[in-house]
Amino acid sequence: MSPVETMGTGKALGSDATRNAGATRNAGATMNDATTGMTRASASAILDRVKFDDRGLVTAVIQEWDSREVLMVGWMDREAFLRTMTEGRVTFWSRSRQEYWRKGDTSGHVQFVRGAALDCDGDTLLVRVEQLGAACHTGTRTCFDTDLLHPVVADAAGKPA
């Protein structure tokens, strides 16, 4: 799967943007030079496929590009989407502050974009990043390491193991 595609369909959204031109992913695919990434025009063309909610936002799941660890979830409007796809750094829309924030500008915990994909419904964006420092505002690496839940785990037949 190309790192920037509609997940599961093979429909490309654009090229990878990476600060390390020629870097190699775990799967062995070579990432494209940042100069071949999306432009505002090509990113704008994708917006028709993104299903923003009634507030004009789309969920953005942030994932470490090499380990696939889910780091956090944020929200993007059209402008935050365009900035993220074209600038190589993740930009969110803050629902509480009602302003844009680029991850790492104040904390130093930067997220460099390594790839992105829309889910099959177009209502969730997956952004693969190289995370420098903590991803969570609490100072932890991920927002999903505080309250670990212990659900019943099923076996391959669907029965509790």
N, C-alpha and C. Protein backbone atom coordinates (compact mmCIF):
# COMPACT_ATOMS: atom_id res chain seq x y z
N MET A 1 0.85 -1.18 0.00
CA MET A 1 0.00 0.00 0.00
C MET A 1 0.88 1.23 0.00
N SER A 2 0.62 2.16 -0.88
CA SER A 2 1.32 3.43 -0.87
C SER A 2 1.03 4.14 0.44
N PRO A 3 2.02 4.82 1.02
CA PRO A 3 1.77 5.46 2.30
C PRO A 3 0.76 6.59 2.24
N VAL A 4 0.43 7.07 1.06
CA VAL A 4 -0.54 8.14 0.94
C VAL A 4 -1.62 7.68 -0.03
N GLU A 5 -2.59 6.94 0.48
CA GLU A 5 -3.65 6.45 -0.38
C GLU A 5 -4.92 6.26 0.43
N THR A 6 -6.03 6.11 -0.28
CA THR A 6 -7.27 5.76 0.39
C THR A 6 -7.12 4.32 0.84
N MET A 7 -7.17 4.08 2.13
CA MET A 7 -6.83 2.78 2.68
C MET A 7 -7.68 1.67 2.08
N GLY A 8 -7.01 0.64 1.60
CA GLY A 8 -7.69 -0.53 1.09
C GLY A 8 -8.15 -0.43 -0.34
N THR A 9 -8.03 0.76 -0.97
CA THR A 9 -8.52 0.89 -2.34
C THR A 9 -7.40 1.07 -3.34
N GLY A 10 -6.23 1.47 -2.89
CA GLY A 10 -5.13 1.73 -3.80
C GLY A 10 -5.25 3.06 -4.51
N LYS A 11 -6.26 3.88 -4.17
CA LYS A 11 -6.42 5.19 -4.79
C LYS A 11 -5.47 6.17 -4.12
N ALA A 12 -4.53 6.67 -4.87
CA ALA A 12 -3.49 7.54 -4.31
C ALA A 12 -4.04 8.91 -3.96
N LEU A 13 -3.60 9.43 -2.81
CA LEU A 13 -3.88 10.81 -2.42
C LEU A 13 -2.77 11.72 -2.87
N GLY A 14 -1.57 11.22 -2.98
CA GLY A 14 -0.42 12.03 -3.36
C GLY A 14 0.85 11.32 -2.95
N SER A 15 1.95 12.03 -2.98
CA SER A 15 3.24 11.45 -2.63
C SER A 15 3.55 11.69 -1.17
N ASP A 16 4.45 10.84 -0.60
CA ASP A 16 4.93 11.05 0.76
C ASP A 16 5.68 12.35 0.87
N ALA A 17 5.59 12.96 2.04
CA ALA A 17 6.44 14.10 2.34
C ALA A 17 7.31 13.67 3.50
N THR A 18 8.59 13.74 3.33
CA THR A 18 9.49 13.34 4.40
C THR A 18 10.68 14.25 4.44
N ARG A 19 11.20 14.48 5.61
CA ARG A 19 12.38 15.33 5.72
C ARG A 19 13.64 14.56 5.40
N ASN A 20 13.56 13.23 5.30
CA ASN A 20 14.71 12.39 4.96
C ASN A 20 14.47 11.78 3.59
N ALA A 21 14.81 12.50 2.55
CA ALA A 21 14.60 11.99 1.19
C ALA A 21 15.30 10.66 1.02
N GLY A 22 14.57 9.71 0.44
CA GLY A 22 15.13 8.40 0.18
C GLY A 22 15.11 7.49 1.38
N ALA A 23 14.49 7.90 2.49
CA ALA A 23 14.41 7.02 3.67
C ALA A 23 13.61 5.79 3.29
N THR A 24 13.86 4.68 3.96
CA THR A 24 13.19 3.43 3.63
C THR A 24 12.29 2.99 4.78
N ARG A 25 11.07 2.60 4.47
CA ARG A 25 10.13 2.09 5.47
C ARG A 25 10.47 0.66 5.80
N ASN A 26 9.86 0.18 6.86
CA ASN A 26 10.07 -1.21 7.27
C ASN A 26 9.68 -2.18 6.16
N ALA A 27 8.66 -1.86 5.40
CA ALA A 27 8.18 -2.75 4.34
C ALA A 27 9.12 -2.76 3.14
N GLY A 28 10.11 -1.86 3.14
CA GLY A 28 11.08 -1.85 2.08
C GLY A 28 10.77 -0.88 0.96
N ALA A 29 9.65 -0.18 1.03
CA ALA A 29 9.32 0.79 -0.01
C ALA A 29 10.10 2.07 0.23
N THR A 30 10.63 2.65 -0.83
CA THR A 30 11.38 3.89 -0.69
C THR A 30 10.40 5.05 -0.67
N MET A 31 10.58 5.94 0.28
CA MET A 31 9.73 7.12 0.38
C MET A 31 10.20 8.16 -0.62
N ASN A 32 9.29 8.97 -1.11
CA ASN A 32 9.61 9.98 -2.10
C ASN A 32 10.26 11.19 -1.48
N ASP A 33 11.03 11.89 -2.27
CA ASP A 33 11.63 13.15 -1.87
C ASP A 33 10.52 14.14 -1.55
N ALA A 34 10.71 14.96 -0.53
CA ALA A 34 9.69 15.92 -0.11
C ALA A 34 9.29 16.85 -1.23
N THR A 35 10.17 17.11 -2.17
CA THR A 35 9.84 18.02 -3.26
C THR A 35 8.79 17.44 -4.20
N THR A 36 8.50 16.15 -4.12
CA THR A 36 7.48 15.55 -4.97
C THR A 36 6.16 15.38 -4.23
N GLY A 37 6.02 15.96 -3.05
CA GLY A 37 4.81 15.84 -2.25
C GLY A 37 3.66 16.62 -2.84
N MET A 38 2.56 16.64 -2.10
CA MET A 38 1.34 17.29 -2.56
C MET A 38 1.49 18.81 -2.57
N THR A 39 0.84 19.42 -3.53
CA THR A 39 0.71 20.87 -3.57
C THR A 39 -0.64 21.22 -2.98
N ARG A 40 -0.88 22.50 -2.71
CA ARG A 40 -2.20 22.90 -2.22
C ARG A 40 -3.28 22.55 -3.25
N ALA A 41 -2.95 22.67 -4.52
CA ALA A 41 -3.94 22.34 -5.57
C ALA A 41 -4.27 20.86 -5.56
N SER A 42 -3.25 19.98 -5.49
CA SER A 42 -3.54 18.54 -5.50
C SER A 42 -4.21 18.11 -4.20
N ALA A 43 -3.83 18.73 -3.07
CA ALA A 43 -4.49 18.43 -1.80
C ALA A 43 -5.93 18.92 -1.81
N SER A 44 -6.17 20.07 -2.40
CA SER A 44 -7.53 20.62 -2.48
C SER A 44 -8.45 19.69 -3.27
N ALA A 45 -7.90 19.05 -4.30
CA ALA A 45 -8.69 18.14 -5.12
C ALA A 45 -9.16 16.93 -4.30
N ILE A 46 -8.43 16.57 -3.26
CA ILE A 46 -8.79 15.44 -2.41
C ILE A 46 -9.96 15.79 -1.49
N LEU A 47 -10.11 17.07 -1.16
CA LEU A 47 -11.10 17.49 -0.16
C LEU A 47 -12.52 17.02 -0.46
N ASP A 48 -12.86 16.83 -1.74
CA ASP A 48 -14.20 16.34 -2.08
C ASP A 48 -14.43 14.93 -1.56
N ARG A 49 -13.35 14.17 -1.34
CA ARG A 49 -13.48 12.79 -0.84
C ARG A 49 -13.50 12.72 0.68
N VAL A 50 -13.12 13.82 1.34
CA VAL A 50 -13.10 13.83 2.81
C VAL A 50 -14.50 14.19 3.31
N LYS A 51 -15.03 13.37 4.22
CA LYS A 51 -16.36 13.61 4.79
C LYS A 51 -16.20 14.30 6.14
N PHE A 52 -16.27 15.62 6.11
CA PHE A 52 -16.19 16.41 7.34
C PHE A 52 -17.52 16.33 8.07
N ASP A 53 -17.48 16.39 9.40
CA ASP A 53 -18.71 16.32 10.19
C ASP A 53 -19.46 17.65 10.13
N ASP A 54 -20.55 17.77 10.88
CA ASP A 54 -21.38 18.98 10.84
C ASP A 54 -20.66 20.22 11.39
N ARG A 55 -19.53 20.02 12.06
CA ARG A 55 -18.72 21.14 12.54
C ARG A 55 -17.59 21.47 11.56
N GLY A 56 -17.53 20.71 10.46
CA GLY A 56 -16.49 20.92 9.46
C GLY A 56 -15.17 20.27 9.82
N LEU A 57 -15.22 19.21 10.66
CA LEU A 57 -14.01 18.54 11.14
C LEU A 57 -13.96 17.08 10.70
N VAL A 58 -12.75 16.57 10.60
CA VAL A 58 -12.53 15.16 10.34
C VAL A 58 -11.57 14.64 11.41
N THR A 59 -11.80 13.41 11.86
CA THR A 59 -10.93 12.78 12.85
C THR A 59 -9.60 12.44 12.19
N ALA A 60 -8.50 12.75 12.88
CA ALA A 60 -7.16 12.43 12.39
C ALA A 60 -6.48 11.53 13.42
N VAL A 61 -6.23 10.28 13.04
CA VAL A 61 -5.51 9.33 13.88
C VAL A 61 -4.03 9.48 13.55
N ILE A 62 -3.22 9.72 14.58
CA ILE A 62 -1.79 9.92 14.37
C ILE A 62 -1.05 8.66 14.79
N GLN A 63 -0.26 8.12 13.88
CA GLN A 63 0.41 6.84 14.07
C GLN A 63 1.91 6.99 13.79
N GLU A 64 2.74 6.37 14.64
CA GLU A 64 4.19 6.34 14.39
C GLU A 64 4.43 5.58 13.10
N TRP A 65 5.18 6.16 12.21
CA TRP A 65 5.31 5.61 10.85
C TRP A 65 6.00 4.26 10.79
N ASP A 66 6.97 3.99 11.67
CA ASP A 66 7.70 2.74 11.54
C ASP A 66 7.16 1.64 12.46
N SER A 67 6.78 1.98 13.68
CA SER A 67 6.28 0.96 14.61
C SER A 67 4.78 0.72 14.47
N ARG A 68 4.07 1.65 13.83
CA ARG A 68 2.60 1.62 13.66
C ARG A 68 1.85 1.86 14.97
N GLU A 69 2.56 2.30 16.02
CA GLU A 69 1.93 2.61 17.31
C GLU A 69 1.01 3.83 17.14
N VAL A 70 -0.23 3.73 17.64
CA VAL A 70 -1.15 4.86 17.60
C VAL A 70 -0.75 5.81 18.72
N LEU A 71 -0.49 7.06 18.35
CA LEU A 71 0.01 8.05 19.29
C LEU A 71 -1.09 8.93 19.87
N MET A 72 -1.98 9.39 19.02
CA MET A 72 -3.01 10.33 19.47
C MET A 72 -4.09 10.45 18.41
N VAL A 73 -5.14 11.17 18.77
CA VAL A 73 -6.23 11.50 17.86
C VAL A 73 -6.46 12.99 17.95
N GLY A 74 -6.63 13.63 16.82
CA GLY A 74 -6.91 15.06 16.79
C GLY A 74 -7.97 15.35 15.75
N TRP A 75 -8.22 16.62 15.54
CA TRP A 75 -9.26 17.05 14.59
C TRP A 75 -8.66 18.01 13.58
N MET A 76 -9.11 17.90 12.34
CA MET A 76 -8.67 18.80 11.28
C MET A 76 -9.88 19.34 10.54
N ASP A 77 -9.82 20.62 10.21
CA ASP A 77 -10.78 21.17 9.27
C ASP A 77 -10.08 21.22 7.91
N ARG A 78 -10.70 21.83 6.94
CA ARG A 78 -10.12 21.86 5.59
C ARG A 78 -8.72 22.49 5.57
N GLU A 79 -8.57 23.59 6.24
CA GLU A 79 -7.27 24.29 6.24
C GLU A 79 -6.20 23.47 6.95
N ALA A 80 -6.53 22.87 8.09
CA ALA A 80 -5.55 22.03 8.80
C ALA A 80 -5.15 20.84 7.94
N PHE A 81 -6.12 20.25 7.23
CA PHE A 81 -5.83 19.16 6.31
C PHE A 81 -4.85 19.62 5.23
N LEU A 82 -5.14 20.77 4.61
CA LEU A 82 -4.27 21.29 3.55
C LEU A 82 -2.86 21.56 4.07
N ARG A 83 -2.76 22.18 5.25
CA ARG A 83 -1.44 22.46 5.82
C ARG A 83 -0.68 21.17 6.09
N THR A 84 -1.35 20.19 6.67
CA THR A 84 -0.70 18.91 6.99
C THR A 84 -0.22 18.21 5.73
N MET A 85 -1.03 18.20 4.69
CA MET A 85 -0.68 17.50 3.45
C MET A 85 0.41 18.20 2.66
N THR A 86 0.59 19.51 2.85
CA THR A 86 1.52 20.26 2.00
C THR A 86 2.75 20.81 2.70
N GLU A 87 2.77 20.82 4.04
CA GLU A 87 3.89 21.44 4.76
C GLU A 87 4.82 20.45 5.44
N GLY A 88 4.42 19.17 5.55
CA GLY A 88 5.29 18.18 6.16
C GLY A 88 5.26 18.14 7.68
N ARG A 89 4.41 18.94 8.29
CA ARG A 89 4.19 18.94 9.75
C ARG A 89 2.70 18.85 10.00
N VAL A 90 2.31 18.20 11.11
CA VAL A 90 0.89 18.01 11.40
C VAL A 90 0.30 19.27 12.02
N THR A 91 -0.82 19.72 11.46
CA THR A 91 -1.58 20.86 11.98
C THR A 91 -2.97 20.37 12.34
N PHE A 92 -3.44 20.77 13.51
CA PHE A 92 -4.78 20.41 13.97
C PHE A 92 -5.63 21.66 14.14
N TRP A 93 -6.95 21.44 14.27
CA TRP A 93 -7.87 22.49 14.69
C TRP A 93 -8.20 22.20 16.15
N SER A 94 -7.92 23.16 17.03
CA SER A 94 -8.22 22.99 18.45
C SER A 94 -9.68 23.35 18.68
N ARG A 95 -10.46 22.37 19.08
CA ARG A 95 -11.88 22.61 19.35
C ARG A 95 -12.06 23.49 20.58
N SER A 96 -11.20 23.35 21.58
CA SER A 96 -11.34 24.13 22.81
C SER A 96 -10.86 25.57 22.64
N ARG A 97 -9.75 25.76 21.93
CA ARG A 97 -9.19 27.11 21.75
C ARG A 97 -9.69 27.80 20.48
N GLN A 98 -10.35 27.02 19.61
CA GLN A 98 -10.85 27.55 18.34
C GLN A 98 -9.74 28.22 17.53
N GLU A 99 -8.63 27.49 17.39
CA GLU A 99 -7.51 28.00 16.60
C GLU A 99 -6.68 26.82 16.08
N TYR A 100 -5.85 27.12 15.08
CA TYR A 100 -4.95 26.10 14.55
C TYR A 100 -3.77 25.94 15.49
N TRP A 101 -3.27 24.72 15.57
CA TRP A 101 -2.03 24.49 16.29
C TRP A 101 -1.23 23.43 15.56
N ARG A 102 0.03 23.77 15.34
CA ARG A 102 0.94 22.85 14.69
C ARG A 102 1.70 22.12 15.79
N LYS A 103 1.56 20.81 15.80
CA LYS A 103 2.14 19.98 16.86
C LYS A 103 3.64 20.26 16.98
N GLY A 104 4.06 20.63 18.18
CA GLY A 104 5.48 20.83 18.47
C GLY A 104 5.95 22.26 18.46
N ASP A 105 5.14 23.20 17.98
CA ASP A 105 5.60 24.59 17.92
C ASP A 105 5.90 25.17 19.29
N THR A 106 5.15 24.80 20.30
CA THR A 106 5.43 25.31 21.65
C THR A 106 6.13 24.28 22.52
N SER A 107 5.83 22.99 22.33
CA SER A 107 6.39 21.94 23.18
C SER A 107 7.71 21.39 22.67
N GLY A 108 7.96 21.53 21.39
CA GLY A 108 9.13 20.91 20.78
C GLY A 108 8.88 19.46 20.40
N HIS A 109 7.69 18.94 20.69
CA HIS A 109 7.34 17.54 20.39
C HIS A 109 6.72 17.48 18.99
N VAL A 110 7.57 17.56 18.02
CA VAL A 110 7.18 17.73 16.62
C VAL A 110 6.72 16.42 15.99
N GLN A 111 5.77 16.54 15.07
CA GLN A 111 5.33 15.41 14.26
C GLN A 111 5.64 15.71 12.80
N PHE A 112 6.62 14.99 12.24
CA PHE A 112 6.95 15.13 10.83
C PHE A 112 6.13 14.12 10.04
N VAL A 113 5.41 14.59 9.04
CA VAL A 113 4.54 13.74 8.24
C VAL A 113 5.39 12.78 7.41
N ARG A 114 5.05 11.49 7.47
CA ARG A 114 5.72 10.46 6.68
C ARG A 114 4.75 9.82 5.69
N GLY A 115 3.46 9.99 5.88
CA GLY A 115 2.45 9.45 4.98
C GLY A 115 1.07 9.74 5.51
N ALA A 116 0.06 9.52 4.69
CA ALA A 116 -1.31 9.76 5.11
C ALA A 116 -2.25 8.93 4.25
N ALA A 117 -3.43 8.61 4.81
CA ALA A 117 -4.43 7.83 4.08
C ALA A 117 -5.81 8.15 4.62
N LEU A 118 -6.80 8.10 3.73
CA LEU A 118 -8.20 8.20 4.14
C LEU A 118 -8.73 6.79 4.33
N ASP A 119 -9.65 6.61 5.28
CA ASP A 119 -10.28 5.31 5.42
C ASP A 119 -11.29 5.12 4.29
N CYS A 120 -11.89 3.94 4.22
CA CYS A 120 -12.78 3.59 3.12
C CYS A 120 -14.01 4.48 3.02
N ASP A 121 -14.45 5.06 4.14
CA ASP A 121 -15.61 5.95 4.13
C ASP A 121 -15.24 7.41 3.93
N GLY A 122 -13.96 7.73 4.03
CA GLY A 122 -13.51 9.11 3.88
C GLY A 122 -13.76 9.97 5.10
N ASP A 123 -14.14 9.34 6.24
CA ASP A 123 -14.45 10.14 7.42
C ASP A 123 -13.39 10.07 8.52
N THR A 124 -12.27 9.42 8.23
CA THR A 124 -11.16 9.37 9.17
C THR A 124 -9.86 9.43 8.37
N LEU A 125 -8.96 10.26 8.85
CA LEU A 125 -7.65 10.41 8.23
C LEU A 125 -6.61 9.74 9.11
N LEU A 126 -5.76 8.93 8.51
CA LEU A 126 -4.62 8.33 9.21
C LEU A 126 -3.38 9.09 8.76
N VAL A 127 -2.66 9.66 9.72
CA VAL A 127 -1.42 10.38 9.41
C VAL A 127 -0.28 9.63 10.07
N ARG A 128 0.66 9.17 9.25
CA ARG A 128 1.84 8.48 9.77
C ARG A 128 2.93 9.52 9.96
N VAL A 129 3.52 9.51 11.14
CA VAL A 129 4.47 10.57 11.50
C VAL A 129 5.76 10.00 12.08
N GLU A 130 6.78 10.82 12.06
CA GLU A 130 7.96 10.59 12.87
C GLU A 130 7.79 11.52 14.07
N GLN A 131 7.56 10.95 15.23
CA GLN A 131 7.28 11.71 16.45
C GLN A 131 8.59 12.00 17.18
N LEU A 132 8.83 13.27 17.48
CA LEU A 132 9.96 13.66 18.31
C LEU A 132 9.42 14.08 19.66
N GLY A 133 9.77 13.37 20.71
CA GLY A 133 9.26 13.67 22.04
C GLY A 133 7.90 13.05 22.26
N ALA A 134 7.22 13.54 23.29
CA ALA A 134 5.91 13.01 23.67
C ALA A 134 4.84 13.45 22.68
N ALA A 135 3.88 12.56 22.41
CA ALA A 135 2.75 12.91 21.56
C ALA A 135 1.60 13.47 22.39
N CYS A 136 1.47 13.01 23.64
CA CYS A 136 0.35 13.41 24.49
C CYS A 136 0.65 14.71 25.24
N HIS A 137 -0.39 15.50 25.44
CA HIS A 137 -0.23 16.76 26.18
C HIS A 137 0.15 16.53 27.64
N THR A 138 -0.02 15.29 28.13
CA THR A 138 0.36 14.98 29.52
C THR A 138 1.85 14.70 29.64
N GLY A 139 2.54 14.61 28.50
CA GLY A 139 3.97 14.35 28.51
C GLY A 139 4.34 12.89 28.27
N THR A 140 3.35 12.03 28.03
CA THR A 140 3.65 10.63 27.75
C THR A 140 3.79 10.42 26.24
N ARG A 141 4.41 9.33 25.87
CA ARG A 141 4.67 9.06 24.45
C ARG A 141 3.39 8.99 23.63
N THR A 142 2.36 8.34 24.18
CA THR A 142 1.09 8.17 23.48
C THR A 142 -0.06 8.56 24.40
N CYS A 143 -1.17 8.94 23.82
CA CYS A 143 -2.36 9.27 24.61
C CYS A 143 -3.09 8.01 25.06
N PHE A 144 -2.64 6.84 24.63
CA PHE A 144 -3.34 5.59 24.90
C PHE A 144 -2.59 4.67 25.84
N ASP A 145 -1.84 5.24 26.79
CA ASP A 145 -1.10 4.38 27.72
C ASP A 145 -1.48 4.62 29.18
N THR A 146 -2.49 5.43 29.44
CA THR A 146 -2.87 5.76 30.81
C THR A 146 -3.87 4.78 31.40
N ASP A 147 -5.00 4.61 30.74
CA ASP A 147 -6.06 3.74 31.24
C ASP A 147 -6.18 2.50 30.37
N LEU A 148 -5.31 1.53 30.61
CA LEU A 148 -5.37 0.31 29.84
C LEU A 148 -6.58 -0.51 30.28
N LEU A 149 -7.38 -0.89 29.32
CA LEU A 149 -8.59 -1.66 29.58
C LEU A 149 -8.27 -3.14 29.44
N HIS A 150 -9.04 -3.97 30.06
CA HIS A 150 -8.81 -5.41 30.01
C HIS A 150 -10.07 -6.13 29.51
N PRO A 151 -10.35 -6.01 28.21
CA PRO A 151 -11.54 -6.67 27.66
C PRO A 151 -11.35 -8.18 27.61
N VAL A 152 -12.47 -8.89 27.49
CA VAL A 152 -12.41 -10.32 27.26
C VAL A 152 -11.81 -10.51 25.86
N VAL A 153 -10.84 -11.38 25.77
CA VAL A 153 -10.18 -11.63 24.49
C VAL A 153 -10.74 -12.92 23.90
N ALA A 154 -11.11 -12.87 22.61
CA ALA A 154 -11.68 -14.04 21.96
C ALA A 154 -10.61 -14.80 21.20
N ASP A 155 -10.84 -16.10 21.03
CA ASP A 155 -9.93 -16.91 20.22
C ASP A 155 -10.38 -16.82 18.76
N ALA A 156 -9.74 -17.57 17.89
CA ALA A 156 -10.04 -17.53 16.47
C ALA A 156 -11.47 -17.95 16.15
N ALA A 157 -12.10 -18.72 17.02
CA ALA A 157 -13.49 -19.16 16.81
C ALA A 157 -14.48 -18.14 17.36
N GLY A 158 -13.98 -17.07 17.97
CA GLY A 158 -14.86 -16.05 18.51
C GLY A 158 -15.33 -16.30 19.92
N LYS A 159 -14.75 -17.29 20.57
CA LYS A 159 -15.11 -17.61 21.95
C LYS A 159 -14.09 -17.01 22.89
N PRO A 160 -14.53 -16.58 24.08
CA PRO A 160 -13.57 -16.03 25.04
C PRO A 160 -12.43 -17.01 25.30
N ALA A 161 -11.22 -16.47 25.22
CA ALA A 161 -10.02 -17.33 25.39
C ALA A 161 -9.79 -17.65 26.85
